[in-house]
N, C-alpha and C. Protein backbone atom coordinates (compact mmCIF):
# COMPACT_ATOMS: atom_id res chain seq x y z
N MET A 1 -8.22 9.67 158.14
CA MET A 1 -8.75 8.58 158.94
C MET A 1 -7.60 7.82 159.62
N ARG A 2 -6.55 7.54 158.85
CA ARG A 2 -5.41 6.82 159.42
C ARG A 2 -4.78 7.63 160.55
N HIS A 3 -4.71 8.96 160.36
CA HIS A 3 -4.17 9.85 161.38
C HIS A 3 -4.97 9.73 162.68
N HIS A 4 -6.31 9.68 162.56
CA HIS A 4 -7.18 9.57 163.74
C HIS A 4 -6.92 8.24 164.47
N ILE A 5 -6.75 7.16 163.71
CA ILE A 5 -6.51 5.85 164.32
C ILE A 5 -5.17 5.85 165.06
N VAL A 6 -4.14 6.42 164.44
CA VAL A 6 -2.82 6.48 165.08
C VAL A 6 -2.90 7.28 166.37
N LEU A 7 -3.59 8.44 166.34
CA LEU A 7 -3.72 9.26 167.54
C LEU A 7 -4.48 8.52 168.64
N SER A 8 -5.52 7.80 168.25
CA SER A 8 -6.30 7.05 169.24
C SER A 8 -5.45 5.96 169.88
N VAL A 9 -4.63 5.28 169.09
CA VAL A 9 -3.75 4.24 169.64
C VAL A 9 -2.74 4.86 170.60
N ILE A 10 -2.18 6.01 170.24
CA ILE A 10 -1.23 6.70 171.13
C ILE A 10 -1.91 7.06 172.44
N LEU A 11 -3.14 7.59 172.37
CA LEU A 11 -3.86 7.94 173.60
C LEU A 11 -4.14 6.70 174.45
N LEU A 12 -4.55 5.60 173.81
CA LEU A 12 -4.82 4.38 174.56
C LEU A 12 -3.56 3.88 175.26
N ILE A 13 -2.43 3.91 174.56
CA ILE A 13 -1.17 3.48 175.16
C ILE A 13 -0.80 4.39 176.32
N THR A 14 -0.98 5.71 176.13
CA THR A 14 -0.67 6.67 177.20
C THR A 14 -1.51 6.39 178.43
N LEU A 15 -2.80 6.23 178.24
CA LEU A 15 -3.69 6.01 179.37
C LEU A 15 -3.42 4.66 180.02
N ALA A 16 -3.13 3.65 179.23
CA ALA A 16 -2.82 2.33 179.79
C ALA A 16 -1.56 2.39 180.63
N GLY A 17 -0.60 3.19 180.18
CA GLY A 17 0.65 3.33 180.93
C GLY A 17 0.46 4.01 182.27
N VAL A 18 -0.58 4.83 182.38
CA VAL A 18 -0.83 5.53 183.64
C VAL A 18 -1.21 4.55 184.73
N SER A 19 -2.01 3.55 184.38
CA SER A 19 -2.51 2.67 185.45
C SER A 19 -2.38 1.18 185.18
N GLY A 20 -2.18 0.81 183.94
CA GLY A 20 -2.14 -0.60 183.61
C GLY A 20 -3.52 -1.25 183.70
N THR A 21 -4.56 -0.44 183.73
CA THR A 21 -5.93 -0.95 183.87
C THR A 21 -6.42 -1.51 182.55
N VAL A 22 -7.17 -2.58 182.60
CA VAL A 22 -7.80 -3.12 181.41
C VAL A 22 -9.04 -2.28 181.12
N PHE A 23 -9.16 -1.82 179.88
CA PHE A 23 -10.23 -0.89 179.53
C PHE A 23 -11.60 -1.52 179.44
N ALA A 24 -11.68 -2.83 179.47
CA ALA A 24 -12.97 -3.50 179.35
C ALA A 24 -13.89 -3.18 180.54
N GLN A 25 -13.35 -2.61 181.60
CA GLN A 25 -14.14 -2.32 182.80
C GLN A 25 -15.17 -1.23 182.58
N GLY A 26 -14.99 -0.36 181.59
CA GLY A 26 -15.92 0.74 181.40
C GLY A 26 -15.93 1.20 179.97
N GLY A 27 -16.81 2.14 179.69
CA GLY A 27 -16.91 2.68 178.34
C GLY A 27 -15.81 3.69 178.07
N MET A 28 -15.42 3.76 176.81
CA MET A 28 -14.41 4.71 176.39
C MET A 28 -15.09 5.81 175.60
N PHE A 29 -14.73 7.07 175.92
CA PHE A 29 -15.24 8.23 175.19
C PHE A 29 -14.04 9.03 174.73
N ALA A 30 -14.13 9.59 173.50
CA ALA A 30 -12.97 10.26 172.95
C ALA A 30 -13.35 11.37 171.98
N THR A 31 -12.37 12.23 171.71
CA THR A 31 -12.45 13.22 170.64
C THR A 31 -11.03 13.51 170.16
N ALA A 32 -10.92 13.86 168.90
CA ALA A 32 -9.65 14.35 168.35
C ALA A 32 -9.84 15.79 167.89
N GLY A 33 -10.99 16.39 168.25
CA GLY A 33 -11.30 17.76 167.85
C GLY A 33 -11.69 18.64 169.02
N GLY A 34 -11.05 18.44 170.17
CA GLY A 34 -11.35 19.25 171.34
C GLY A 34 -10.84 20.67 171.19
N ASN A 35 -11.50 21.61 171.84
CA ASN A 35 -11.16 23.02 171.72
C ASN A 35 -10.44 23.50 172.98
N THR A 36 -9.19 23.94 172.82
CA THR A 36 -8.40 24.51 173.90
C THR A 36 -8.02 25.92 173.48
N ARG A 37 -8.36 26.91 174.31
CA ARG A 37 -8.01 28.31 174.02
C ARG A 37 -7.19 28.86 175.18
N PHE A 38 -6.32 29.79 174.86
CA PHE A 38 -5.63 30.49 175.94
C PHE A 38 -5.52 31.97 175.62
N SER A 39 -5.35 32.74 176.69
CA SER A 39 -5.19 34.18 176.51
C SER A 39 -4.19 34.72 177.52
N SER A 40 -3.51 35.76 177.06
CA SER A 40 -2.58 36.52 177.89
C SER A 40 -3.02 37.97 177.75
N GLU A 41 -3.46 38.56 178.84
CA GLU A 41 -3.96 39.93 178.78
C GLU A 41 -3.11 40.82 179.68
N THR A 42 -2.55 41.87 179.08
CA THR A 42 -1.78 42.88 179.82
C THR A 42 -2.21 44.25 179.32
N PRO A 43 -1.88 45.32 180.05
CA PRO A 43 -2.19 46.66 179.56
C PRO A 43 -1.52 46.98 178.22
N MET A 44 -0.42 46.29 177.91
CA MET A 44 0.32 46.55 176.68
C MET A 44 -0.22 45.78 175.47
N GLU A 45 -0.67 44.53 175.70
CA GLU A 45 -1.09 43.70 174.57
C GLU A 45 -1.92 42.51 175.05
N ASN A 46 -2.90 42.14 174.23
CA ASN A 46 -3.70 40.94 174.48
C ASN A 46 -3.34 39.90 173.43
N ILE A 47 -3.11 38.67 173.88
CA ILE A 47 -2.72 37.59 172.98
C ILE A 47 -3.72 36.45 173.17
N TYR A 48 -4.24 35.95 172.05
CA TYR A 48 -5.20 34.85 172.08
C TYR A 48 -4.77 33.77 171.10
N ALA A 49 -5.06 32.52 171.42
CA ALA A 49 -4.79 31.42 170.49
C ALA A 49 -5.79 30.30 170.76
N GLU A 50 -5.99 29.48 169.74
CA GLU A 50 -6.96 28.39 169.84
C GLU A 50 -6.42 27.14 169.14
N ASN A 51 -6.68 25.99 169.76
CA ASN A 51 -6.29 24.70 169.22
C ASN A 51 -7.57 23.86 169.15
N LYS A 52 -8.00 23.54 167.93
CA LYS A 52 -9.23 22.77 167.74
C LYS A 52 -8.95 21.29 167.46
N LYS A 53 -7.73 20.85 167.79
CA LYS A 53 -7.35 19.46 167.51
C LYS A 53 -6.89 18.72 168.77
N THR A 54 -7.35 19.16 169.94
CA THR A 54 -6.96 18.50 171.18
C THR A 54 -7.57 17.10 171.24
N GLN A 55 -6.76 16.13 171.63
CA GLN A 55 -7.19 14.74 171.72
C GLN A 55 -7.48 14.40 173.19
N VAL A 56 -8.64 13.80 173.42
CA VAL A 56 -9.06 13.47 174.78
C VAL A 56 -9.62 12.06 174.80
N LEU A 57 -9.28 11.32 175.84
CA LEU A 57 -9.80 9.97 176.03
C LEU A 57 -10.22 9.83 177.49
N LEU A 58 -11.45 9.38 177.72
CA LEU A 58 -11.97 9.20 179.07
C LEU A 58 -12.49 7.77 179.20
N ASN A 59 -12.03 7.08 180.23
CA ASN A 59 -12.49 5.73 180.55
C ASN A 59 -13.49 5.88 181.70
N THR A 60 -14.78 5.63 181.41
CA THR A 60 -15.80 5.81 182.45
C THR A 60 -15.75 4.74 183.52
N GLY A 61 -15.14 3.60 183.24
CA GLY A 61 -15.04 2.53 184.22
C GLY A 61 -14.01 2.83 185.31
N THR A 62 -12.90 3.45 184.91
CA THR A 62 -11.82 3.74 185.86
C THR A 62 -11.72 5.23 186.21
N ALA A 63 -12.48 6.07 185.49
CA ALA A 63 -12.48 7.53 185.65
C ALA A 63 -11.13 8.15 185.26
N GLU A 64 -10.34 7.43 184.46
CA GLU A 64 -9.06 7.96 184.00
C GLU A 64 -9.28 8.82 182.76
N ILE A 65 -8.46 9.87 182.65
CA ILE A 65 -8.56 10.78 181.52
C ILE A 65 -7.17 11.09 181.00
N ALA A 66 -7.04 11.16 179.68
CA ALA A 66 -5.78 11.53 179.05
C ALA A 66 -6.08 12.62 178.01
N ILE A 67 -5.28 13.67 178.03
CA ILE A 67 -5.44 14.79 177.11
C ILE A 67 -4.09 15.07 176.48
N ARG A 68 -4.10 15.31 175.16
CA ARG A 68 -2.86 15.58 174.44
C ARG A 68 -3.12 16.61 173.36
N MET A 69 -2.23 17.58 173.26
CA MET A 69 -2.36 18.55 172.17
C MET A 69 -0.99 18.87 171.59
N ASN A 70 -0.95 19.04 170.28
CA ASN A 70 0.25 19.50 169.61
C ASN A 70 0.31 21.01 169.74
N MET A 71 1.45 21.52 170.18
CA MET A 71 1.58 22.95 170.41
C MET A 71 1.52 23.74 169.10
N ARG A 72 1.96 23.15 168.00
CA ARG A 72 1.91 23.84 166.71
C ARG A 72 0.49 23.95 166.16
N ASP A 73 -0.48 23.27 166.78
CA ASP A 73 -1.87 23.37 166.34
C ASP A 73 -2.58 24.60 166.90
N PHE A 74 -1.91 25.37 167.77
CA PHE A 74 -2.50 26.63 168.23
C PHE A 74 -2.43 27.65 167.11
N VAL A 75 -3.57 28.28 166.85
CA VAL A 75 -3.66 29.28 165.79
C VAL A 75 -3.87 30.64 166.43
N PHE A 76 -3.05 31.59 166.02
CA PHE A 76 -3.10 32.96 166.53
C PHE A 76 -3.67 33.87 165.44
N PRO A 77 -4.25 35.01 165.81
CA PRO A 77 -4.74 35.94 164.78
C PRO A 77 -3.58 36.61 164.02
N ASN A 78 -2.39 36.52 164.57
CA ASN A 78 -1.22 37.18 164.00
C ASN A 78 -0.13 36.13 163.81
N LYS A 79 0.36 35.97 162.58
CA LYS A 79 1.37 34.95 162.28
C LYS A 79 2.68 35.17 163.04
N LEU A 80 3.04 36.43 163.29
CA LEU A 80 4.26 36.73 164.04
C LEU A 80 4.14 36.24 165.48
N MET A 81 2.96 36.43 166.09
CA MET A 81 2.72 35.91 167.45
C MET A 81 2.86 34.40 167.47
N GLN A 82 2.30 33.76 166.44
CA GLN A 82 2.36 32.29 166.35
C GLN A 82 3.80 31.82 166.22
N GLU A 83 4.58 32.52 165.43
CA GLU A 83 5.99 32.17 165.25
C GLU A 83 6.77 32.35 166.56
N HIS A 84 6.54 33.46 167.26
CA HIS A 84 7.24 33.70 168.54
C HIS A 84 6.84 32.66 169.58
N PHE A 85 5.54 32.32 169.64
CA PHE A 85 5.05 31.31 170.57
C PHE A 85 5.78 29.98 170.36
N ASN A 86 5.84 29.52 169.10
CA ASN A 86 6.44 28.22 168.80
C ASN A 86 7.96 28.22 168.91
N GLU A 87 8.62 29.28 168.47
CA GLU A 87 10.08 29.29 168.43
C GLU A 87 10.74 29.83 169.70
N ASN A 88 10.18 30.88 170.28
CA ASN A 88 10.85 31.55 171.40
C ASN A 88 10.37 31.14 172.78
N TYR A 89 9.10 30.83 172.93
CA TYR A 89 8.55 30.58 174.26
C TYR A 89 8.32 29.09 174.53
N ILE A 90 7.52 28.44 173.72
CA ILE A 90 7.18 27.03 173.93
C ILE A 90 8.26 26.11 173.38
N GLU A 91 9.03 26.58 172.42
CA GLU A 91 10.06 25.76 171.77
C GLU A 91 9.45 24.46 171.25
N SER A 92 8.48 24.62 170.35
CA SER A 92 7.68 23.50 169.86
C SER A 92 8.48 22.42 169.16
N ASP A 93 9.61 22.76 168.58
CA ASP A 93 10.44 21.71 167.97
C ASP A 93 10.97 20.74 169.03
N LYS A 94 11.25 21.27 170.20
CA LYS A 94 11.79 20.47 171.31
C LYS A 94 10.68 19.89 172.20
N TYR A 95 9.64 20.70 172.46
CA TYR A 95 8.53 20.31 173.33
C TYR A 95 7.25 20.39 172.51
N SER A 96 7.00 19.39 171.70
CA SER A 96 5.93 19.45 170.70
C SER A 96 4.52 19.30 171.26
N THR A 97 4.38 18.72 172.45
CA THR A 97 3.04 18.47 172.98
C THR A 97 2.89 18.96 174.42
N ALA A 98 1.64 19.17 174.78
CA ALA A 98 1.26 19.38 176.18
C ALA A 98 0.30 18.24 176.51
N THR A 99 0.38 17.71 177.73
CA THR A 99 -0.45 16.56 178.09
C THR A 99 -0.99 16.70 179.52
N PHE A 100 -2.07 16.00 179.76
CA PHE A 100 -2.59 15.80 181.11
C PHE A 100 -3.01 14.35 181.19
N SER A 101 -2.57 13.64 182.20
CA SER A 101 -3.05 12.28 182.43
C SER A 101 -3.36 12.14 183.91
N GLY A 102 -4.60 11.76 184.18
CA GLY A 102 -5.01 11.68 185.57
C GLY A 102 -6.32 10.95 185.73
N LYS A 103 -6.99 11.30 186.81
CA LYS A 103 -8.21 10.59 187.17
C LYS A 103 -9.21 11.59 187.76
N LEU A 104 -10.50 11.39 187.43
CA LEU A 104 -11.54 12.22 188.02
C LEU A 104 -11.58 11.99 189.53
N ASP A 105 -11.78 13.06 190.28
CA ASP A 105 -11.78 12.96 191.73
C ASP A 105 -13.14 12.56 192.31
N GLN A 106 -14.20 12.69 191.52
CA GLN A 106 -15.55 12.39 192.00
C GLN A 106 -16.10 11.16 191.28
N ARG A 107 -17.03 10.51 191.95
CA ARG A 107 -17.78 9.44 191.30
C ARG A 107 -18.89 10.11 190.51
N ILE A 108 -19.00 9.75 189.24
CA ILE A 108 -20.04 10.32 188.39
C ILE A 108 -20.81 9.17 187.75
N ASP A 109 -22.13 9.29 187.76
CA ASP A 109 -22.97 8.30 187.12
C ASP A 109 -23.06 8.66 185.64
N PHE A 110 -22.20 8.06 184.82
CA PHE A 110 -22.12 8.38 183.40
C PHE A 110 -23.34 7.89 182.62
N THR A 111 -24.21 7.10 183.26
CA THR A 111 -25.40 6.61 182.58
C THR A 111 -26.58 7.57 182.76
N LYS A 112 -26.39 8.61 183.59
CA LYS A 112 -27.48 9.53 183.92
C LYS A 112 -27.17 10.93 183.37
N ASP A 113 -28.06 11.44 182.52
CA ASP A 113 -27.87 12.79 181.99
C ASP A 113 -27.85 13.80 183.12
N GLY A 114 -26.99 14.79 183.00
CA GLY A 114 -26.90 15.84 184.01
C GLY A 114 -25.58 16.58 183.88
N THR A 115 -25.46 17.67 184.62
CA THR A 115 -24.22 18.44 184.66
C THR A 115 -23.64 18.32 186.05
N TYR A 116 -22.37 17.95 186.10
CA TYR A 116 -21.71 17.66 187.37
C TYR A 116 -20.50 18.58 187.56
N ASP A 117 -20.31 19.07 188.79
CA ASP A 117 -19.04 19.70 189.15
C ASP A 117 -18.02 18.58 189.21
N ALA A 118 -16.89 18.78 188.58
CA ALA A 118 -15.89 17.71 188.55
C ALA A 118 -14.50 18.31 188.62
N SER A 119 -13.57 17.49 189.05
CA SER A 119 -12.16 17.85 189.00
C SER A 119 -11.37 16.59 188.69
N ALA A 120 -10.20 16.80 188.13
CA ALA A 120 -9.31 15.68 187.83
C ALA A 120 -7.93 16.01 188.37
N THR A 121 -7.28 15.04 188.95
CA THR A 121 -5.94 15.22 189.50
C THR A 121 -4.99 14.31 188.73
N GLY A 122 -3.85 14.89 188.33
CA GLY A 122 -2.88 14.10 187.59
C GLY A 122 -1.67 14.92 187.21
N SER A 123 -0.96 14.43 186.22
CA SER A 123 0.27 15.05 185.75
C SER A 123 -0.02 15.94 184.55
N PHE A 124 0.31 17.20 184.68
CA PHE A 124 0.10 18.21 183.63
C PHE A 124 1.48 18.61 183.13
N THR A 125 1.74 18.39 181.84
CA THR A 125 3.06 18.65 181.27
C THR A 125 2.97 19.69 180.16
N VAL A 126 3.74 20.77 180.32
CA VAL A 126 3.88 21.81 179.31
C VAL A 126 5.36 22.19 179.27
N HIS A 127 5.89 22.38 178.07
CA HIS A 127 7.28 22.81 177.89
C HIS A 127 8.25 21.82 178.55
N GLY A 128 7.86 20.55 178.55
CA GLY A 128 8.71 19.51 179.10
C GLY A 128 8.74 19.43 180.61
N VAL A 129 7.95 20.26 181.29
CA VAL A 129 7.93 20.28 182.76
C VAL A 129 6.58 19.74 183.24
N SER A 130 6.63 18.69 184.04
CA SER A 130 5.41 18.08 184.59
C SER A 130 5.15 18.58 186.00
N LYS A 131 3.89 18.87 186.26
CA LYS A 131 3.44 19.30 187.58
C LYS A 131 2.19 18.50 187.94
N ASN A 132 2.09 18.10 189.19
CA ASN A 132 0.85 17.50 189.66
C ASN A 132 -0.16 18.63 189.83
N ARG A 133 -1.33 18.46 189.22
CA ARG A 133 -2.35 19.50 189.25
C ARG A 133 -3.71 18.89 189.50
N THR A 134 -4.58 19.65 190.12
CA THR A 134 -5.99 19.35 190.17
C THR A 134 -6.68 20.44 189.37
N ILE A 135 -7.40 20.03 188.34
CA ILE A 135 -8.07 20.98 187.46
C ILE A 135 -9.57 20.79 187.63
N LYS A 136 -10.25 21.89 187.97
CA LYS A 136 -11.70 21.86 188.22
C LYS A 136 -12.46 22.27 186.97
N GLY A 137 -13.69 21.74 186.86
CA GLY A 137 -14.52 22.10 185.73
C GLY A 137 -15.90 21.50 185.86
N LYS A 138 -16.55 21.35 184.71
CA LYS A 138 -17.88 20.76 184.62
C LYS A 138 -17.82 19.58 183.67
N LEU A 139 -18.62 18.58 183.96
CA LEU A 139 -18.78 17.44 183.08
C LEU A 139 -20.27 17.26 182.85
N LYS A 140 -20.68 17.39 181.60
CA LYS A 140 -22.09 17.27 181.26
C LYS A 140 -22.30 15.97 180.49
N VAL A 141 -23.24 15.16 180.95
CA VAL A 141 -23.62 13.92 180.27
C VAL A 141 -24.98 14.18 179.65
N GLU A 142 -25.05 13.96 178.32
CA GLU A 142 -26.32 14.22 177.65
C GLU A 142 -26.40 13.43 176.34
N GLY A 143 -27.44 12.62 176.25
CA GLY A 143 -27.71 11.91 175.01
C GLY A 143 -26.60 11.01 174.53
N GLY A 144 -25.90 10.35 175.45
CA GLY A 144 -24.84 9.44 175.05
C GLY A 144 -23.51 10.10 174.75
N LYS A 145 -23.42 11.41 174.96
CA LYS A 145 -22.16 12.15 174.77
C LYS A 145 -21.81 12.85 176.07
N MET A 146 -20.58 13.36 176.12
CA MET A 146 -20.13 14.11 177.29
C MET A 146 -19.45 15.39 176.84
N VAL A 147 -19.63 16.43 177.64
CA VAL A 147 -18.94 17.69 177.40
C VAL A 147 -18.14 18.02 178.65
N ILE A 148 -16.83 18.18 178.48
CA ILE A 148 -15.95 18.57 179.58
C ILE A 148 -15.56 20.03 179.34
N SER A 149 -15.76 20.88 180.35
CA SER A 149 -15.36 22.28 180.22
C SER A 149 -14.63 22.70 181.49
N SER A 150 -13.67 23.61 181.30
CA SER A 150 -12.88 24.08 182.43
C SER A 150 -12.22 25.39 182.09
N ASP A 151 -12.03 26.21 183.10
CA ASP A 151 -11.23 27.44 183.03
C ASP A 151 -10.18 27.32 184.12
N PHE A 152 -8.90 27.47 183.75
CA PHE A 152 -7.84 27.41 184.74
C PHE A 152 -6.66 28.25 184.25
N GLU A 153 -5.65 28.37 185.07
CA GLU A 153 -4.48 29.18 184.71
C GLU A 153 -3.21 28.34 184.72
N VAL A 154 -2.29 28.72 183.85
CA VAL A 154 -0.97 28.11 183.78
C VAL A 154 0.05 29.20 184.00
N THR A 155 0.86 29.05 185.03
CA THR A 155 1.89 30.03 185.35
C THR A 155 3.17 29.70 184.59
N LEU A 156 3.70 30.69 183.87
CA LEU A 156 4.87 30.45 183.03
C LEU A 156 6.06 29.93 183.82
N VAL A 157 6.32 30.50 184.98
CA VAL A 157 7.48 30.09 185.78
C VAL A 157 7.39 28.63 186.20
N ASP A 158 6.17 28.11 186.43
CA ASP A 158 5.99 26.72 186.82
C ASP A 158 6.47 25.74 185.75
N HIS A 159 6.47 26.18 184.50
CA HIS A 159 6.86 25.31 183.39
C HIS A 159 8.12 25.80 182.68
N LYS A 160 8.86 26.65 183.38
CA LYS A 160 10.16 27.15 182.91
C LYS A 160 10.08 27.76 181.51
N ILE A 161 9.00 28.53 181.30
CA ILE A 161 8.84 29.25 180.04
C ILE A 161 9.39 30.66 180.25
N ASP A 162 10.50 30.95 179.59
CA ASP A 162 11.17 32.24 179.76
C ASP A 162 10.62 33.26 178.78
N VAL A 163 10.41 34.47 179.29
CA VAL A 163 9.99 35.60 178.47
C VAL A 163 11.11 36.62 178.48
N PRO A 164 11.63 36.98 177.30
CA PRO A 164 12.70 37.97 177.25
C PRO A 164 12.27 39.29 177.90
N GLN A 165 13.18 39.95 178.58
CA GLN A 165 12.89 41.19 179.30
C GLN A 165 12.24 42.24 178.40
N ILE A 166 12.63 42.27 177.13
CA ILE A 166 12.14 43.30 176.22
C ILE A 166 10.62 43.19 175.98
N VAL A 167 10.06 41.98 176.09
CA VAL A 167 8.61 41.81 175.90
C VAL A 167 7.90 41.39 177.19
N PHE A 168 8.60 41.44 178.30
CA PHE A 168 8.07 40.98 179.59
C PHE A 168 6.72 41.64 179.94
N VAL A 169 6.59 42.95 179.65
CA VAL A 169 5.36 43.67 180.00
C VAL A 169 4.21 43.37 179.04
N LYS A 170 4.49 42.68 177.93
CA LYS A 170 3.46 42.37 176.94
C LYS A 170 2.83 41.00 177.15
N ILE A 171 3.46 40.16 177.97
CA ILE A 171 2.97 38.79 178.16
C ILE A 171 2.68 38.55 179.64
N ALA A 172 1.44 38.14 179.92
CA ALA A 172 1.03 37.86 181.30
C ALA A 172 1.85 36.68 181.83
N GLN A 173 2.17 36.72 183.11
CA GLN A 173 2.93 35.64 183.72
C GLN A 173 2.06 34.44 184.10
N SER A 174 0.75 34.64 184.06
CA SER A 174 -0.20 33.57 184.29
C SER A 174 -1.18 33.57 183.11
N ILE A 175 -1.20 32.49 182.37
CA ILE A 175 -1.99 32.38 181.14
C ILE A 175 -3.34 31.74 181.46
N LYS A 176 -4.42 32.36 180.97
CA LYS A 176 -5.77 31.83 181.18
C LYS A 176 -6.07 30.80 180.10
N VAL A 177 -6.54 29.63 180.54
CA VAL A 177 -6.86 28.54 179.62
C VAL A 177 -8.34 28.21 179.76
N LYS A 178 -8.99 27.99 178.63
CA LYS A 178 -10.41 27.63 178.60
C LYS A 178 -10.55 26.44 177.66
N VAL A 179 -11.17 25.36 178.15
CA VAL A 179 -11.32 24.16 177.32
C VAL A 179 -12.78 23.76 177.20
N GLU A 180 -13.09 23.14 176.06
CA GLU A 180 -14.39 22.50 175.87
C GLU A 180 -14.15 21.29 174.97
N TYR A 181 -14.42 20.12 175.52
CA TYR A 181 -14.19 18.87 174.81
C TYR A 181 -15.51 18.11 174.74
N ILE A 182 -15.97 17.82 173.53
CA ILE A 182 -17.19 17.03 173.33
C ILE A 182 -16.75 15.62 172.99
N LEU A 183 -17.07 14.69 173.88
CA LEU A 183 -16.63 13.30 173.74
C LEU A 183 -17.80 12.42 173.29
N SER A 184 -17.50 11.52 172.37
CA SER A 184 -18.47 10.53 171.90
C SER A 184 -17.94 9.14 172.24
N PRO A 185 -18.82 8.12 172.24
CA PRO A 185 -18.33 6.76 172.49
C PRO A 185 -17.21 6.41 171.52
N TYR A 186 -16.16 5.84 172.06
CA TYR A 186 -15.01 5.44 171.25
C TYR A 186 -15.32 4.13 170.55
N LYS A 187 -15.16 4.14 169.23
CA LYS A 187 -15.42 2.92 168.46
C LYS A 187 -14.09 2.34 168.03
N LYS A 188 -13.86 1.09 168.38
CA LYS A 188 -12.60 0.43 168.04
C LYS A 188 -12.57 0.01 166.59
């Protein structure tokens, strides 16, 4: 429980730093159990991993969103793959988190149930390299909760993730990412 409170405070500070907006303007929705998956598929090898501890905070008043995940929370079917991911490619000791902080590009009526095409534009940081990105997806409002889903790609070269020549043919240069975040009203 204490861990959840600390993470929520970190997310609030992160999002406040993005805009300096007072959060009283809208409702806050959050999760500390968001699902982020990625895959690398090549003719030589397929690599999959999943992180079920992604933290997400959405302010419906300002349409600001903050996402944070610990890189060591990705679980692979093979422990050796997980070790190589953390030590050789992502360098998790040095770059422990990946983040996105931005704002929804569309006006959405969060009081009305429905599924909306949505995108968010902001700063996407992986491996210590930040890029301005627009990420497209769906936002579903239903029964007082929200579900955010998206499929997008992350190019290794954009985030200075080096792949040794010996395994170059085993790892795709563009990684497919799939997310699903179920957000509930944030209780202070």
